[in-house]
Amino acid sequence: MTIKEVSEQYGITQDTLRYYERVGMIPRVTRSSSGHRDYQPEDLGWVELAKCLRNAGLTVEAIVAYVKLSLEGEDTVPDRLELLRQQREDLLDQRRQIEEALARLDRKIDMYAAKVC
């Protein structure tokens, strides 16, 4: 697949895909004989993973670290597991904070709604 096709399929700009590759969020993408990116299924898997991890709130640095560990092989599974567990905890904490903020907003909305009616 061309970078344009991948961009359209995943809703990521071409510049973002190039950035992901440049900083190491995805390994170097397969190239055609002319040197153009020619995304193969394995490359697409890395794009999907980067997008997933980014949506989960991982920093660019954490994703780069994860990719490096993945490329080093099975010996790094415990480190990758710890990285993902820590991110999960961070997300749960963020969710708790959001739920508290929503509850406070709901109380304020209810208070103001009672005054308007």
N, C-alpha and C. Protein backbone atom coordinates (compact mmCIF):
# COMPACT_ATOMS: atom_id res chain seq x y z
N MET A 1 0.84 -1.18 0.00
CA MET A 1 0.00 0.00 0.00
C MET A 1 0.88 1.24 0.00
N THR A 2 0.41 2.25 -0.64
CA THR A 2 1.15 3.52 -0.64
C THR A 2 0.87 4.26 0.65
N ILE A 3 1.69 5.27 0.92
CA ILE A 3 1.49 6.06 2.12
C ILE A 3 0.14 6.78 2.07
N LYS A 4 -0.29 7.16 0.87
CA LYS A 4 -1.59 7.82 0.71
C LYS A 4 -2.72 6.86 1.09
N GLU A 5 -2.63 5.63 0.64
CA GLU A 5 -3.66 4.64 0.96
C GLU A 5 -3.71 4.35 2.46
N VAL A 6 -2.54 4.24 3.06
CA VAL A 6 -2.47 3.98 4.51
C VAL A 6 -3.04 5.17 5.27
N SER A 7 -2.70 6.35 4.84
CA SER A 7 -3.22 7.57 5.45
C SER A 7 -4.74 7.59 5.43
N GLU A 8 -5.31 7.27 4.30
CA GLU A 8 -6.77 7.27 4.16
C GLU A 8 -7.40 6.15 4.97
N GLN A 9 -6.79 4.98 4.97
CA GLN A 9 -7.35 3.82 5.67
C GLN A 9 -7.38 4.04 7.18
N TYR A 10 -6.32 4.65 7.73
CA TYR A 10 -6.20 4.77 9.18
C TYR A 10 -6.53 6.16 9.71
N GLY A 11 -6.85 7.10 8.81
CA GLY A 11 -7.19 8.43 9.27
C GLY A 11 -6.02 9.15 9.92
N ILE A 12 -4.84 8.92 9.38
CA ILE A 12 -3.60 9.55 9.87
C ILE A 12 -2.99 10.28 8.69
N THR A 13 -2.51 11.48 8.91
CA THR A 13 -1.92 12.21 7.79
C THR A 13 -0.63 11.53 7.33
N GLN A 14 -0.27 11.79 6.09
CA GLN A 14 0.98 11.25 5.56
C GLN A 14 2.17 11.79 6.35
N ASP A 15 2.11 13.05 6.73
CA ASP A 15 3.19 13.62 7.54
C ASP A 15 3.32 12.91 8.88
N THR A 16 2.18 12.56 9.48
CA THR A 16 2.22 11.84 10.76
C THR A 16 2.84 10.46 10.58
N LEU A 17 2.48 9.78 9.49
CA LEU A 17 3.08 8.46 9.23
C LEU A 17 4.60 8.58 9.06
N ARG A 18 5.04 9.60 8.34
CA ARG A 18 6.48 9.80 8.17
C ARG A 18 7.14 10.09 9.52
N TYR A 19 6.47 10.89 10.33
CA TYR A 19 6.98 11.22 11.66
C TYR A 19 7.09 9.96 12.52
N TYR A 20 6.05 9.14 12.52
CA TYR A 20 6.08 7.89 13.29
C TYR A 20 7.30 7.05 12.92
N GLU A 21 7.59 6.99 11.64
CA GLU A 21 8.74 6.21 11.19
C GLU A 21 10.05 6.88 11.58
N ARG A 22 10.11 8.20 11.39
CA ARG A 22 11.35 8.94 11.67
C ARG A 22 11.77 8.84 13.14
N VAL A 23 10.79 8.94 14.06
CA VAL A 23 11.15 8.94 15.48
C VAL A 23 11.22 7.54 16.08
N GLY A 24 10.77 6.54 15.33
CA GLY A 24 10.86 5.16 15.81
C GLY A 24 9.58 4.62 16.44
N MET A 25 8.46 5.30 16.22
CA MET A 25 7.20 4.77 16.72
C MET A 25 6.74 3.56 15.91
N ILE A 26 7.23 3.47 14.69
CA ILE A 26 7.08 2.28 13.87
C ILE A 26 8.45 2.01 13.25
N PRO A 27 8.78 0.74 13.05
CA PRO A 27 10.06 0.45 12.40
C PRO A 27 10.06 0.95 10.96
N ARG A 28 11.23 1.00 10.38
CA ARG A 28 11.35 1.44 8.98
C ARG A 28 10.41 0.63 8.10
N VAL A 29 9.63 1.35 7.31
CA VAL A 29 8.62 0.74 6.44
C VAL A 29 9.31 0.14 5.22
N THR A 30 8.75 -0.97 4.73
CA THR A 30 9.24 -1.61 3.51
C THR A 30 9.23 -0.59 2.37
N ARG A 31 10.25 -0.64 1.53
CA ARG A 31 10.36 0.29 0.39
C ARG A 31 10.30 -0.49 -0.91
N SER A 32 9.76 0.19 -1.91
CA SER A 32 9.75 -0.38 -3.26
C SER A 32 11.14 -0.23 -3.86
N SER A 33 11.34 -0.79 -5.04
CA SER A 33 12.65 -0.68 -5.70
C SER A 33 12.99 0.77 -6.01
N SER A 34 11.97 1.62 -6.13
CA SER A 34 12.21 3.04 -6.40
C SER A 34 12.43 3.84 -5.12
N GLY A 35 12.31 3.17 -3.96
CA GLY A 35 12.56 3.85 -2.69
C GLY A 35 11.32 4.40 -2.02
N HIS A 36 10.16 4.26 -2.66
CA HIS A 36 8.92 4.75 -2.05
C HIS A 36 8.42 3.76 -1.00
N ARG A 37 7.74 4.28 0.01
CA ARG A 37 7.17 3.40 1.02
C ARG A 37 6.13 2.48 0.37
N ASP A 38 6.22 1.20 0.72
CA ASP A 38 5.31 0.19 0.19
C ASP A 38 4.86 -0.65 1.39
N TYR A 39 3.85 -0.14 2.10
CA TYR A 39 3.41 -0.76 3.34
C TYR A 39 2.92 -2.19 3.11
N GLN A 40 3.52 -3.11 3.85
CA GLN A 40 3.15 -4.52 3.82
C GLN A 40 2.31 -4.81 5.07
N PRO A 41 1.67 -5.98 5.14
CA PRO A 41 0.85 -6.29 6.32
C PRO A 41 1.58 -6.09 7.65
N GLU A 42 2.84 -6.47 7.72
CA GLU A 42 3.60 -6.28 8.97
C GLU A 42 3.74 -4.79 9.29
N ASP A 43 3.99 -3.97 8.28
CA ASP A 43 4.10 -2.53 8.48
C ASP A 43 2.77 -1.96 8.99
N LEU A 44 1.67 -2.45 8.41
CA LEU A 44 0.35 -1.99 8.82
C LEU A 44 0.07 -2.37 10.27
N GLY A 45 0.55 -3.52 10.68
CA GLY A 45 0.40 -3.93 12.08
C GLY A 45 1.08 -2.95 13.02
N TRP A 46 2.25 -2.46 12.64
CA TRP A 46 2.95 -1.47 13.46
C TRP A 46 2.19 -0.15 13.48
N VAL A 47 1.62 0.23 12.34
CA VAL A 47 0.83 1.47 12.29
C VAL A 47 -0.37 1.35 13.22
N GLU A 48 -1.06 0.21 13.15
CA GLU A 48 -2.22 -0.01 14.01
C GLU A 48 -1.82 0.03 15.48
N LEU A 49 -0.69 -0.58 15.81
CA LEU A 49 -0.22 -0.58 17.19
C LEU A 49 0.11 0.83 17.66
N ALA A 50 0.81 1.58 16.83
CA ALA A 50 1.17 2.95 17.20
C ALA A 50 -0.08 3.79 17.43
N LYS A 51 -1.04 3.63 16.55
CA LYS A 51 -2.29 4.38 16.69
C LYS A 51 -3.02 3.97 17.98
N CYS A 52 -3.08 2.69 18.24
CA CYS A 52 -3.73 2.18 19.45
C CYS A 52 -3.04 2.71 20.71
N LEU A 53 -1.72 2.60 20.74
CA LEU A 53 -0.98 3.05 21.92
C LEU A 53 -1.10 4.55 22.11
N ARG A 54 -1.09 5.28 21.01
CA ARG A 54 -1.24 6.74 21.08
C ARG A 54 -2.62 7.09 21.62
N ASN A 55 -3.66 6.39 21.12
CA ASN A 55 -5.02 6.62 21.61
C ASN A 55 -5.17 6.24 23.08
N ALA A 56 -4.33 5.31 23.54
CA ALA A 56 -4.36 4.90 24.94
C ALA A 56 -3.60 5.88 25.83
N GLY A 57 -3.01 6.90 25.22
CA GLY A 57 -2.36 7.94 26.00
C GLY A 57 -0.87 7.78 26.18
N LEU A 58 -0.27 6.76 25.56
CA LEU A 58 1.18 6.62 25.69
C LEU A 58 1.88 7.79 25.02
N THR A 59 2.94 8.24 25.63
CA THR A 59 3.75 9.30 25.05
C THR A 59 4.52 8.74 23.86
N VAL A 60 5.00 9.63 23.03
CA VAL A 60 5.83 9.22 21.90
C VAL A 60 7.04 8.45 22.43
N GLU A 61 7.64 8.96 23.49
CA GLU A 61 8.83 8.30 24.06
C GLU A 61 8.51 6.89 24.53
N ALA A 62 7.35 6.70 25.15
CA ALA A 62 6.98 5.37 25.63
C ALA A 62 6.73 4.42 24.46
N ILE A 63 6.13 4.92 23.41
CA ILE A 63 5.89 4.06 22.23
C ILE A 63 7.20 3.68 21.57
N VAL A 64 8.11 4.63 21.46
CA VAL A 64 9.43 4.35 20.89
C VAL A 64 10.13 3.28 21.73
N ALA A 65 10.05 3.42 23.04
CA ALA A 65 10.67 2.43 23.93
C ALA A 65 10.03 1.05 23.73
N TYR A 66 8.72 1.02 23.61
CA TYR A 66 8.01 -0.23 23.40
C TYR A 66 8.44 -0.90 22.09
N VAL A 67 8.51 -0.10 21.03
CA VAL A 67 8.92 -0.64 19.72
C VAL A 67 10.34 -1.19 19.80
N LYS A 68 11.24 -0.43 20.42
CA LYS A 68 12.63 -0.91 20.55
C LYS A 68 12.67 -2.23 21.30
N LEU A 69 11.92 -2.32 22.39
CA LEU A 69 11.88 -3.57 23.15
C LEU A 69 11.32 -4.70 22.29
N SER A 70 10.27 -4.42 21.53
CA SER A 70 9.67 -5.45 20.68
C SER A 70 10.65 -5.98 19.65
N LEU A 71 11.42 -5.06 19.09
CA LEU A 71 12.39 -5.47 18.07
C LEU A 71 13.57 -6.26 18.66
N GLU A 72 13.77 -6.13 19.96
CA GLU A 72 14.85 -6.87 20.61
C GLU A 72 14.49 -8.33 20.85
N GLY A 73 13.20 -8.66 20.79
CA GLY A 73 12.80 -10.05 20.90
C GLY A 73 12.07 -10.41 22.17
N GLU A 74 11.85 -11.70 22.31
CA GLU A 74 11.03 -12.25 23.39
C GLU A 74 11.58 -12.00 24.79
N ASP A 75 12.87 -11.80 24.90
CA ASP A 75 13.45 -11.55 26.22
C ASP A 75 12.93 -10.27 26.86
N THR A 76 12.34 -9.40 26.07
CA THR A 76 11.87 -8.10 26.58
C THR A 76 10.38 -8.12 26.92
N VAL A 77 9.74 -9.27 26.84
CA VAL A 77 8.31 -9.34 27.14
C VAL A 77 7.99 -8.81 28.55
N PRO A 78 8.76 -9.16 29.59
CA PRO A 78 8.45 -8.61 30.91
C PRO A 78 8.51 -7.08 30.96
N ASP A 79 9.45 -6.49 30.26
CA ASP A 79 9.55 -5.03 30.23
C ASP A 79 8.38 -4.41 29.49
N ARG A 80 7.97 -5.03 28.39
CA ARG A 80 6.82 -4.53 27.64
C ARG A 80 5.54 -4.65 28.47
N LEU A 81 5.42 -5.77 29.16
CA LEU A 81 4.26 -5.99 30.02
C LEU A 81 4.19 -4.91 31.09
N GLU A 82 5.30 -4.60 31.71
CA GLU A 82 5.32 -3.57 32.75
C GLU A 82 4.97 -2.20 32.18
N LEU A 83 5.48 -1.89 31.01
CA LEU A 83 5.17 -0.61 30.37
C LEU A 83 3.66 -0.50 30.14
N LEU A 84 3.03 -1.56 29.63
CA LEU A 84 1.60 -1.53 29.36
C LEU A 84 0.78 -1.51 30.65
N ARG A 85 1.21 -2.24 31.65
CA ARG A 85 0.50 -2.22 32.94
C ARG A 85 0.54 -0.82 33.56
N GLN A 86 1.69 -0.17 33.48
CA GLN A 86 1.80 1.18 34.04
C GLN A 86 0.89 2.14 33.29
N GLN A 87 0.84 2.01 31.98
CA GLN A 87 -0.04 2.89 31.21
C GLN A 87 -1.49 2.64 31.56
N ARG A 88 -1.85 1.39 31.79
CA ARG A 88 -3.22 1.07 32.18
C ARG A 88 -3.56 1.74 33.49
N GLU A 89 -2.65 1.68 34.44
CA GLU A 89 -2.87 2.35 35.73
C GLU A 89 -3.04 3.85 35.55
N ASP A 90 -2.21 4.44 34.69
CA ASP A 90 -2.32 5.88 34.42
C ASP A 90 -3.69 6.22 33.82
N LEU A 91 -4.16 5.38 32.90
CA LEU A 91 -5.46 5.61 32.29
C LEU A 91 -6.59 5.47 33.30
N LEU A 92 -6.49 4.49 34.18
CA LEU A 92 -7.51 4.33 35.22
C LEU A 92 -7.55 5.55 36.13
N ASP A 93 -6.37 6.09 36.45
CA ASP A 93 -6.31 7.30 37.27
C ASP A 93 -6.95 8.48 36.54
N GLN A 94 -6.67 8.61 35.26
CA GLN A 94 -7.28 9.67 34.47
C GLN A 94 -8.80 9.52 34.43
N ARG A 95 -9.26 8.27 34.30
CA ARG A 95 -10.70 8.02 34.27
C ARG A 95 -11.34 8.43 35.60
N ARG A 96 -10.68 8.11 36.71
CA ARG A 96 -11.21 8.50 38.01
C ARG A 96 -11.32 10.03 38.11
N GLN A 97 -10.29 10.71 37.62
CA GLN A 97 -10.31 12.17 37.66
C GLN A 97 -11.45 12.73 36.79
N ILE A 98 -11.65 12.14 35.63
CA ILE A 98 -12.72 12.59 34.74
C ILE A 98 -14.09 12.32 35.37
N GLU A 99 -14.25 11.15 35.98
CA GLU A 99 -15.52 10.82 36.62
C GLU A 99 -15.82 11.80 37.76
N GLU A 100 -14.81 12.17 38.54
CA GLU A 100 -15.00 13.15 39.61
C GLU A 100 -15.40 14.50 39.04
N ALA A 101 -14.75 14.92 37.97
CA ALA A 101 -15.07 16.20 37.34
C ALA A 101 -16.49 16.18 36.78
N LEU A 102 -16.88 15.08 36.15
CA LEU A 102 -18.24 14.96 35.61
C LEU A 102 -19.28 15.01 36.73
N ALA A 103 -19.01 14.34 37.83
CA ALA A 103 -19.95 14.35 38.96
C ALA A 103 -20.12 15.78 39.49
N ARG A 104 -19.02 16.49 39.60
CA ARG A 104 -19.10 17.88 40.08
C ARG A 104 -19.89 18.75 39.10
N LEU A 105 -19.60 18.59 37.80
CA LEU A 105 -20.34 19.34 36.79
C LEU A 105 -21.84 19.01 36.84
N ASP A 106 -22.15 17.73 37.00
CA ASP A 106 -23.56 17.32 37.07
C ASP A 106 -24.26 17.99 38.25
N ARG A 107 -23.59 18.06 39.39
CA ARG A 107 -24.18 18.72 40.55
C ARG A 107 -24.43 20.20 40.26
N LYS A 108 -23.48 20.86 39.63
CA LYS A 108 -23.65 22.27 39.28
C LYS A 108 -24.79 22.46 38.28
N ILE A 109 -24.83 21.61 37.27
CA ILE A 109 -25.89 21.69 36.27
C ILE A 109 -27.24 21.51 36.93
N ASP A 110 -27.35 20.51 37.81
CA ASP A 110 -28.62 20.27 38.50
C ASP A 110 -29.01 21.47 39.35
N MET A 111 -28.02 22.07 40.03
CA MET A 111 -28.29 23.23 40.86
C MET A 111 -28.81 24.40 40.02
N TYR A 112 -28.15 24.68 38.90
CA TYR A 112 -28.58 25.78 38.04
C TYR A 112 -29.91 25.47 37.35
N ALA A 113 -30.10 24.24 36.96
CA ALA A 113 -31.36 23.85 36.31
C ALA A 113 -32.53 24.03 37.26
N ALA A 114 -32.33 23.74 38.54
CA ALA A 114 -33.39 23.91 39.53
C ALA A 114 -33.75 25.38 39.70
N LYS A 115 -32.78 26.26 39.57
CA LYS A 115 -33.03 27.70 39.71
C LYS A 115 -33.75 28.27 38.50
N VAL A 116 -33.51 27.70 37.33
CA VAL A 116 -34.10 28.20 36.08
C VAL A 116 -35.57 27.79 36.00
N CYS A 117 -35.88 26.61 36.48
CA CYS A 117 -37.26 26.09 36.35
C CYS A 117 -38.18 26.72 37.32
